[in-house]
Amino acid sequence: MKIKDTGLKYVKGKPPRIKEGASLLPYLSPDYIRKGSQPDFYPNQTGIVLVEDGELILLWDGSNAGEFFKGKAGILSSTMVKLDQVDQIENEYLFYSLTLQEDQLKSKTAGSGIPHVDKEVFYNLEIYVPEKPEQSTIATILSTVDAAIEKTEQLIAKYERIKTGLMQDLLTRGIDEQGNIRSEETHAFKDSPLGRIPVGWEVERLGNLAAFISGKAWSTKLLTEHGLKIIRISNLHKPDFPYWRYDGAYTEDMIVNTGDILFSWAGVASSIDCVQYLGSPALLNQHIYNLKFDDDNIKVFTHRYIRWFLPELRKEIEGGAGQLHLTKGKIQGILVPMPTKKELSLINESIERITKLVDLEKKGLVKMKNKKTALMQDLLTGKVRVDNLLKENT
């Protein structure tokens, strides 16, 4: 059934004119609905469109026009429309059916300036409309999966917060032989160029811990479809970015292998980064160093410490104009606290445990999202009838 045949109507939001007053309500921005970010508040007033919890909203204007939301109580944004209830379709079922059409709607937005939903495309969207009892069952199944996804996302966020705090403690205060995080109340500390560190730790320059192997400006005359791929700064942050390949002369020590630590030193501040390479053998361009360590425990600890330290380093160079870069001497001069070899192992093992826990939950999240996508494709198109699905799972 086409949307236009369901009798579905919508009303577009209007910006509030009165800025101050009593009975303040949140203004429904996409970020507020998606992520719960802090909204702007306006008083209830004539001319605005109010939304209740659970009402269906469509983002009509903007870069992500065509996205559907379950609304929150507040004032409808001028970039959104509120969809009316349709008698023959359960609201929750309608939401999932429309969400299934998002990609099609987004790909056909109109407007030469700010994109907006094409009204004709919207009303010609086709949705599968079974009897209401089946709609309710399908909506319940998908809502159950959504609840599991949300719970897992909350758990991942919790573990990520724990991991961040744990890493900061372990990388600066360490862990004793009983597995306790050190503190100055219970353990001996000393002054250092990095502040207070545990007795028994030393402070080392990065240049003393790793050998620096420079990348090259490879000749574009020899870039081909064959040979080794060339890693540029953009490849470090976008794994799917197309690679150049080189089949000219190079030596074995120029090759980057999986597990190597790469330090990009040019570009915008956010491009200054230290990452572990996980791809196939490759060559580096001239804006990236390959850091070679003799000891794996030192490599892992140092990489984690530098990653934790980098935001402060980026702040130091953000005020510069034009192309930003760090000199080799500046990078080699980065100070790293260095525990004993035995403690290095304990620290790395502790961080690895929480990392594996986060990764396990993330893998579970991907599976649940894939399951939801498959269920939506099957149940919301009539390809699989819900009674048959329930029989298969009993």
Protein backbone atom coordinates (compact mmCIF):
# COMPACT_ATOMS: atom_id res chain seq x y z
CA MET A 1 0.00 0.00 0.00
CA LYS A 2 1.30 3.46 -0.88
CA ILE A 3 1.56 6.05 1.91
CA LYS A 4 -0.85 8.33 0.04
CA ASP A 5 -3.51 5.58 0.15
CA THR A 6 -3.31 5.24 3.95
CA GLY A 7 -4.61 8.77 4.51
CA LEU A 8 -1.44 9.71 6.43
CA LYS A 9 -1.16 13.46 7.05
CA TYR A 10 1.62 15.52 8.55
CA VAL A 11 2.18 18.96 10.06
CA LYS A 12 5.44 20.92 9.76
CA GLY A 13 7.09 22.47 12.78
CA LYS A 14 7.42 26.22 13.25
CA PRO A 15 10.15 28.15 15.08
CA PRO A 16 9.02 29.67 18.40
CA ARG A 17 8.80 33.46 18.41
CA ILE A 18 8.79 34.03 22.16
CA LYS A 19 12.13 33.21 23.75
CA GLU A 20 11.44 33.61 27.47
CA GLY A 21 8.63 32.73 29.83
CA ALA A 22 7.18 30.01 32.03
CA SER A 23 6.40 26.35 31.20
CA LEU A 24 9.60 25.86 29.21
CA LEU A 25 9.68 22.97 26.75
CA PRO A 26 12.62 21.40 24.86
CA TYR A 27 13.03 22.28 21.19
CA LEU A 28 13.35 18.97 19.38
CA SER A 29 16.65 18.96 17.50
CA PRO A 30 17.87 15.70 15.87
CA ASP A 31 20.79 15.47 18.33
CA TYR A 32 18.44 15.82 21.29
CA ILE A 33 16.18 13.02 20.01
CA ARG A 34 19.04 10.75 18.91
CA LYS A 35 21.53 11.25 21.73
CA GLY A 36 19.78 13.21 24.46
CA SER A 37 22.13 16.18 23.98
CA GLN A 38 21.23 19.42 25.75
CA PRO A 39 18.28 21.10 23.95
CA ASP A 40 17.22 24.74 23.81
CA PHE A 41 14.10 25.55 25.85
CA TYR A 42 11.19 27.81 24.89
CA PRO A 43 7.85 28.64 26.54
CA ASN A 44 4.58 27.14 25.33
CA GLN A 45 3.06 29.64 22.90
CA THR A 46 0.64 30.00 20.03
CA GLY A 47 1.80 28.93 16.58
CA ILE A 48 4.14 26.14 17.67
CA VAL A 49 3.54 22.41 17.12
CA LEU A 50 3.73 20.25 20.24
CA VAL A 51 4.93 16.65 20.25
CA GLU A 52 4.14 13.92 22.77
CA ASP A 53 6.38 11.00 23.66
CA GLY A 54 6.24 8.31 20.99
CA GLU A 55 4.68 10.38 18.20
CA LEU A 56 6.29 9.83 14.82
CA ILE A 57 8.56 12.52 13.40
CA LEU A 58 10.26 12.87 10.03
CA LEU A 59 13.31 15.08 9.51
CA TRP A 60 12.15 17.07 6.51
CA ASP A 61 15.03 19.50 5.88
CA GLY A 62 18.80 19.26 6.19
CA SER A 63 21.73 16.98 5.39
CA ASN A 64 20.01 13.92 6.90
CA ALA A 65 16.52 14.64 5.55
CA GLY A 66 14.44 11.46 5.38
CA GLU A 67 15.26 10.14 8.88
CA PHE A 68 12.36 8.96 11.06
CA PHE A 69 12.21 9.32 14.85
CA LYS A 70 10.05 8.38 17.77
CA GLY A 71 9.43 11.80 19.24
CA LYS A 72 9.95 13.15 22.73
CA ALA A 73 7.67 15.61 24.48
CA GLY A 74 8.52 19.11 23.33
CA ILE A 75 8.30 21.65 20.50
CA LEU A 76 8.56 20.37 16.94
CA SER A 77 11.57 21.80 15.10
CA SER A 78 10.96 23.83 11.94
CA THR A 79 13.08 21.25 10.05
CA MET A 80 10.72 18.39 11.00
CA VAL A 81 7.18 17.20 10.40
CA LYS A 82 4.93 15.29 12.80
CA LEU A 83 3.02 12.35 11.31
CA ASP A 84 -0.60 11.80 12.32
CA GLN A 85 -1.90 8.47 13.58
CA VAL A 86 -3.42 6.24 10.86
CA ASP A 87 -6.47 4.23 11.92
CA GLN A 88 -5.61 1.07 10.00
CA ILE A 89 -1.94 0.96 11.04
CA GLU A 90 -0.48 0.53 14.53
CA ASN A 91 1.82 3.47 15.31
CA GLU A 92 4.79 1.28 16.31
CA TYR A 93 4.41 -0.85 13.20
CA LEU A 94 4.18 2.27 11.03
CA PHE A 95 7.43 3.56 12.53
CA TYR A 96 9.35 0.40 11.63
CA SER A 97 7.78 0.26 8.16
CA LEU A 98 8.78 3.84 7.43
CA THR A 99 12.27 3.33 8.87
CA LEU A 100 12.72 0.51 6.35
CA GLN A 101 12.16 3.12 3.60
CA GLU A 102 14.71 5.67 4.92
CA ASP A 103 17.46 4.91 2.42
CA GLN A 104 15.09 5.29 -0.51
CA LEU A 105 13.69 8.56 0.86
CA LYS A 106 17.15 10.00 1.63
CA SER A 107 18.48 9.13 -1.82
CA LYS A 108 15.73 11.14 -3.51
CA THR A 109 15.72 14.39 -1.54
CA ALA A 110 14.98 17.58 -3.48
CA GLY A 111 16.37 21.10 -3.46
CA SER A 112 19.47 22.72 -4.93
CA GLY A 113 20.45 24.32 -1.62
CA ILE A 114 19.38 22.72 1.65
CA PRO A 115 18.06 19.24 0.79
CA HIS A 116 14.51 18.37 1.83
CA VAL A 117 12.18 15.40 1.57
CA ASP A 118 10.45 15.16 -1.80
CA LYS A 119 6.75 15.14 -0.92
CA GLU A 120 5.82 13.08 -3.97
CA VAL A 121 8.48 10.46 -3.22
CA PHE A 122 7.30 10.28 0.39
CA TYR A 123 3.66 9.73 -0.49
CA ASN A 124 4.56 7.11 -3.10
CA LEU A 125 6.53 4.96 -0.65
CA GLU A 126 5.00 1.49 -0.41
CA ILE A 127 4.57 -0.37 2.87
CA TYR A 128 3.20 -3.80 3.65
CA VAL A 129 0.02 -3.58 5.75
CA PRO A 130 -1.18 -6.88 7.28
CA GLU A 131 -4.06 -7.17 9.74
CA LYS A 132 -3.64 -5.26 13.00
CA PRO A 133 -2.95 -8.30 15.24
CA GLU A 134 -0.03 -9.23 12.96
CA GLN A 135 1.18 -5.61 12.96
CA SER A 136 1.21 -5.63 16.76
CA THR A 137 3.15 -8.91 16.92
CA ILE A 138 5.74 -7.69 14.41
CA ALA A 139 6.14 -4.40 16.28
CA THR A 140 6.59 -6.30 19.56
CA ILE A 141 9.30 -8.52 18.05
CA LEU A 142 11.22 -5.55 16.65
CA SER A 143 10.77 -3.53 19.85
CA THR A 144 12.21 -6.43 21.85
CA VAL A 145 15.29 -6.48 19.62
CA ASP A 146 15.57 -2.69 19.92
CA ALA A 147 15.44 -2.94 23.72
CA ALA A 148 18.27 -5.50 23.66
CA ILE A 149 20.29 -3.24 21.35
CA GLU A 150 19.78 -0.24 23.63
CA LYS A 151 20.75 -2.26 26.71
CA THR A 152 23.93 -3.47 25.00
CA GLU A 153 24.81 0.06 23.87
CA GLN A 154 24.41 1.28 27.46
CA LEU A 155 26.61 -1.58 28.69
CA ILE A 156 29.29 -0.74 26.11
CA ALA A 157 29.20 2.93 27.15
CA LYS A 158 29.60 1.86 30.80
CA TYR A 159 32.55 -0.42 29.99
CA GLU A 160 34.13 2.32 27.87
CA ARG A 161 33.94 4.74 30.81
CA ILE A 162 35.48 2.10 33.10
CA LYS A 163 38.21 1.42 30.54
CA THR A 164 39.05 5.13 30.19
CA GLY A 165 39.39 5.57 33.95
CA LEU A 166 41.32 2.33 34.34
CA MET A 167 43.76 3.23 31.57
CA GLN A 168 44.45 6.65 33.05
CA ASP A 169 45.18 5.06 36.43
CA LEU A 170 47.29 2.22 35.07
CA LEU A 171 49.32 4.42 32.69
CA THR A 172 50.20 6.95 35.37
CA ARG A 173 50.05 5.12 38.72
CA GLY A 174 50.41 1.46 37.82
CA ILE A 175 49.40 -1.71 39.63
CA ASP A 176 51.07 -3.56 42.50
CA GLU A 177 51.71 -7.30 42.78
CA GLN A 178 48.34 -7.79 44.52
CA GLY A 179 46.53 -6.24 41.56
CA ASN A 180 45.73 -2.93 43.31
CA ILE A 181 45.99 0.47 41.64
CA ARG A 182 48.73 2.43 43.38
CA SER A 183 47.98 5.64 45.29
CA GLU A 184 50.21 7.99 47.26
CA GLU A 185 48.33 7.02 50.42
CA THR A 186 49.42 3.39 50.15
CA HIS A 187 52.53 3.37 47.95
CA ALA A 188 55.76 5.33 47.53
CA PHE A 189 55.86 7.93 44.73
CA LYS A 190 58.54 10.32 43.52
CA ASP A 191 58.83 13.55 41.53
CA SER A 192 59.58 13.35 37.80
CA PRO A 193 59.36 15.53 34.65
CA LEU A 194 55.88 14.03 34.22
CA GLY A 195 54.82 14.78 37.78
CA ARG A 196 54.49 12.20 40.52
CA ILE A 197 55.17 8.61 39.45
CA PRO A 198 55.64 5.39 41.46
CA VAL A 199 59.07 4.67 42.92
CA GLY A 200 60.69 2.09 40.66
CA TRP A 201 59.40 3.76 37.48
CA GLU A 202 61.62 5.77 35.16
CA VAL A 203 60.91 8.43 32.54
CA GLU A 204 62.17 7.75 29.02
CA ARG A 205 62.23 9.74 25.79
CA LEU A 206 60.26 8.10 23.00
CA GLY A 207 63.40 8.37 20.87
CA ASN A 208 65.19 6.05 23.30
CA LEU A 209 62.39 3.48 23.24
CA ALA A 210 61.83 3.15 19.50
CA ALA A 211 63.66 3.49 16.21
CA PHE A 212 62.02 5.97 13.78
CA ILE A 213 61.70 4.82 10.16
CA SER A 214 60.57 7.60 7.83
CA GLY A 215 58.14 7.26 4.98
CA LYS A 216 58.89 8.60 1.50
CA ALA A 217 57.36 10.83 -1.15
CA TRP A 218 56.87 8.06 -3.70
CA SER A 219 57.11 8.98 -7.35
CA THR A 220 53.67 9.29 -8.94
CA LYS A 221 55.18 8.01 -12.18
CA LEU A 222 55.42 4.57 -10.61
CA LEU A 223 51.95 4.40 -9.04
CA THR A 224 50.15 1.40 -10.51
CA GLU A 225 47.42 -1.14 -9.88
CA HIS A 226 50.03 -3.60 -8.61
CA GLY A 227 52.76 -3.71 -5.99
CA LEU A 228 52.58 -2.55 -2.36
CA LYS A 229 49.86 -0.16 -1.24
CA ILE A 230 50.94 3.26 0.05
CA ILE A 231 49.55 4.47 3.37
CA ARG A 232 48.76 8.17 3.56
CA ILE A 233 47.44 10.10 6.56
CA SER A 234 43.88 9.77 5.23
CA ASN A 235 44.26 5.97 5.24
CA LEU A 236 44.96 5.95 8.99
CA HIS A 237 41.52 7.37 9.77
CA LYS A 238 39.49 5.92 6.90
CA PRO A 239 40.36 2.23 6.41
CA ASP A 240 38.13 2.05 3.32
CA PHE A 241 39.92 4.95 1.61
CA PRO A 242 41.34 3.92 -1.80
CA TYR A 243 45.06 3.16 -1.71
CA TRP A 244 47.73 4.05 -4.22
CA ARG A 245 50.10 1.23 -5.12
CA TYR A 246 53.80 1.27 -5.90
CA ASP A 247 55.88 -1.26 -7.84
CA GLY A 248 59.21 0.57 -7.95
CA ALA A 249 62.34 0.06 -5.86
CA TYR A 250 62.17 -0.12 -2.06
CA THR A 251 64.07 -1.89 0.71
CA GLU A 252 62.73 -4.38 3.25
CA ASP A 253 62.99 -1.92 6.17
CA MET A 254 60.57 0.45 4.39
CA ILE A 255 57.74 -2.09 4.58
CA VAL A 256 55.07 -1.69 7.26
CA ASN A 257 53.59 -4.90 8.67
CA THR A 258 50.51 -5.57 10.78
CA GLY A 259 51.12 -4.65 14.42
CA ASP A 260 53.56 -1.83 13.64
CA ILE A 261 53.04 1.51 15.41
CA LEU A 262 52.59 4.43 13.02
CA PHE A 263 52.90 8.11 14.00
CA SER A 264 51.46 10.71 11.60
CA TRP A 265 53.00 14.12 12.14
CA ALA A 266 51.43 16.51 9.59
CA GLY A 267 48.07 17.90 8.56
CA VAL A 268 45.31 19.30 10.75
CA ALA A 269 45.60 18.77 14.50
CA SER A 270 43.28 15.74 14.43
CA SER A 271 45.61 14.08 11.89
CA ILE A 272 48.45 14.02 14.42
CA ASP A 273 47.96 10.46 15.62
CA CYS A 274 49.62 7.25 16.76
CA VAL A 275 47.91 4.07 15.58
CA GLN A 276 48.59 0.37 15.40
CA TYR A 277 48.57 -0.80 11.79
CA LEU A 278 46.42 -3.89 11.18
CA GLY A 279 46.55 -4.23 7.41
CA SER A 280 48.62 -6.08 4.83
CA PRO A 281 52.26 -5.11 4.06
CA ALA A 282 52.50 -1.54 2.80
CA LEU A 283 54.70 1.52 2.33
CA LEU A 284 54.39 4.85 4.16
CA ASN A 285 54.27 8.31 2.64
CA GLN A 286 56.57 11.02 3.96
CA HIS A 287 54.16 12.28 6.65
CA ILE A 288 54.21 9.11 8.75
CA TYR A 289 56.87 7.42 10.89
CA ASN A 290 57.02 3.72 11.65
CA LEU A 291 58.12 3.26 15.28
CA LYS A 292 60.07 0.03 15.82
CA PHE A 293 60.32 -1.40 19.36
CA ASP A 294 62.55 -4.25 20.54
CA ASP A 295 60.13 -5.30 23.33
CA ASP A 296 56.42 -6.01 22.68
CA ASN A 297 55.36 -5.09 26.22
CA ILE A 298 57.10 -1.72 25.92
CA LYS A 299 55.53 -1.23 22.48
CA VAL A 300 52.00 -1.91 23.72
CA PHE A 301 52.37 0.24 26.85
CA THR A 302 54.04 3.12 24.98
CA HIS A 303 51.41 3.11 22.23
CA ARG A 304 48.61 3.27 24.81
CA TYR A 305 50.33 6.02 26.76
CA ILE A 306 50.92 8.16 23.66
CA ARG A 307 47.28 7.72 22.58
CA TRP A 308 46.20 8.90 26.01
CA PHE A 309 48.69 11.80 25.86
CA LEU A 310 47.91 12.96 22.27
CA PRO A 311 44.88 15.23 22.99
CA GLU A 312 47.16 17.49 25.04
CA LEU A 313 49.77 17.48 22.29
CA ARG A 314 47.14 18.42 19.70
CA LYS A 315 46.02 21.36 21.84
CA GLU A 316 49.56 22.73 21.75
CA ILE A 317 49.56 22.96 17.95
CA GLU A 318 45.92 23.83 17.17
CA GLY A 319 46.64 27.55 17.28
CA GLY A 320 49.02 27.34 14.33
CA ALA A 321 48.11 28.53 10.82
CA GLY A 322 48.22 26.51 7.61
CA GLN A 323 49.75 23.04 7.50
CA LEU A 324 50.48 21.84 11.04
CA HIS A 325 53.28 19.45 11.81
CA LEU A 326 55.51 18.08 14.55
CA THR A 327 59.24 17.87 14.05
CA LYS A 328 60.97 14.53 14.43
CA GLY A 329 62.81 15.93 17.45
CA LYS A 330 59.53 16.94 19.09
CA ILE A 331 58.11 13.43 18.65
CA GLN A 332 61.29 11.73 19.81
CA GLY A 333 61.29 14.01 22.83
CA ILE A 334 57.86 12.85 24.06
CA LEU A 335 58.35 11.61 27.62
CA VAL A 336 56.92 8.23 28.57
CA PRO A 337 56.72 6.81 32.13
CA MET A 338 58.27 3.37 32.15
CA PRO A 339 57.38 0.73 34.79
CA THR A 340 59.45 -2.37 35.45
CA LYS A 341 59.16 -5.24 32.94
CA LYS A 342 57.08 -7.30 35.35
CA GLU A 343 54.64 -4.46 35.96
CA LEU A 344 54.42 -3.69 32.26
CA SER A 345 52.98 -7.17 31.75
CA LEU A 346 50.45 -6.73 34.57
CA ILE A 347 49.33 -3.34 33.22
CA ASN A 348 48.96 -4.59 29.66
CA GLU A 349 47.03 -7.68 30.81
CA SER A 350 44.61 -5.55 32.89
CA ILE A 351 43.86 -3.23 29.97
CA GLU A 352 43.56 -6.17 27.60
CA ARG A 353 40.88 -7.81 29.78
CA ILE A 354 38.58 -4.78 29.74
CA THR A 355 39.31 -4.23 26.02
CA LYS A 356 38.24 -7.81 25.21
CA LEU A 357 35.08 -7.31 27.26
CA VAL A 358 34.21 -4.18 25.28
CA ASP A 359 35.03 -5.88 21.97
CA LEU A 360 32.86 -8.89 22.87
CA GLU A 361 29.87 -6.65 23.58
CA LYS A 362 30.48 -4.72 20.35
CA LYS A 363 30.48 -7.95 18.36
CA GLY A 364 27.21 -8.90 20.05
CA LEU A 365 25.79 -5.50 19.15
CA VAL A 366 26.69 -5.96 15.48
CA LYS A 367 24.95 -9.37 15.48
CA MET A 368 21.79 -7.90 17.04
CA LYS A 369 21.70 -5.04 14.53
CA ASN A 370 22.14 -7.49 11.66
CA LYS A 371 19.36 -9.65 13.12
CA LYS A 372 17.07 -6.62 13.32
CA THR A 373 17.82 -5.68 9.71
CA ALA A 374 17.01 -9.22 8.56
CA LEU A 375 13.79 -9.31 10.60
CA MET A 376 12.67 -5.96 9.19
CA GLN A 377 13.33 -7.09 5.62
CA ASP A 378 11.40 -10.32 6.21
CA LEU A 379 8.48 -9.23 8.40
CA LEU A 380 7.80 -5.72 7.06
CA THR A 381 7.60 -6.89 3.47
CA GLY A 382 5.50 -10.03 4.02
CA LYS A 383 8.37 -12.22 2.81
CA VAL A 384 8.10 -14.16 6.07
CA ARG A 385 4.78 -14.26 7.90
CA VAL A 386 5.04 -13.75 11.61
CA ASP A 387 3.11 -16.94 12.46
CA ASN A 388 5.62 -19.00 10.49
CA LEU A 389 8.52 -17.23 12.21
CA LEU A 390 7.09 -17.91 15.66
CA LYS A 391 6.54 -21.59 14.79
CA GLU A 392 10.20 -21.89 13.66
CA ASN A 393 11.37 -20.52 17.01
CA THR A 394 9.21 -22.70 19.27
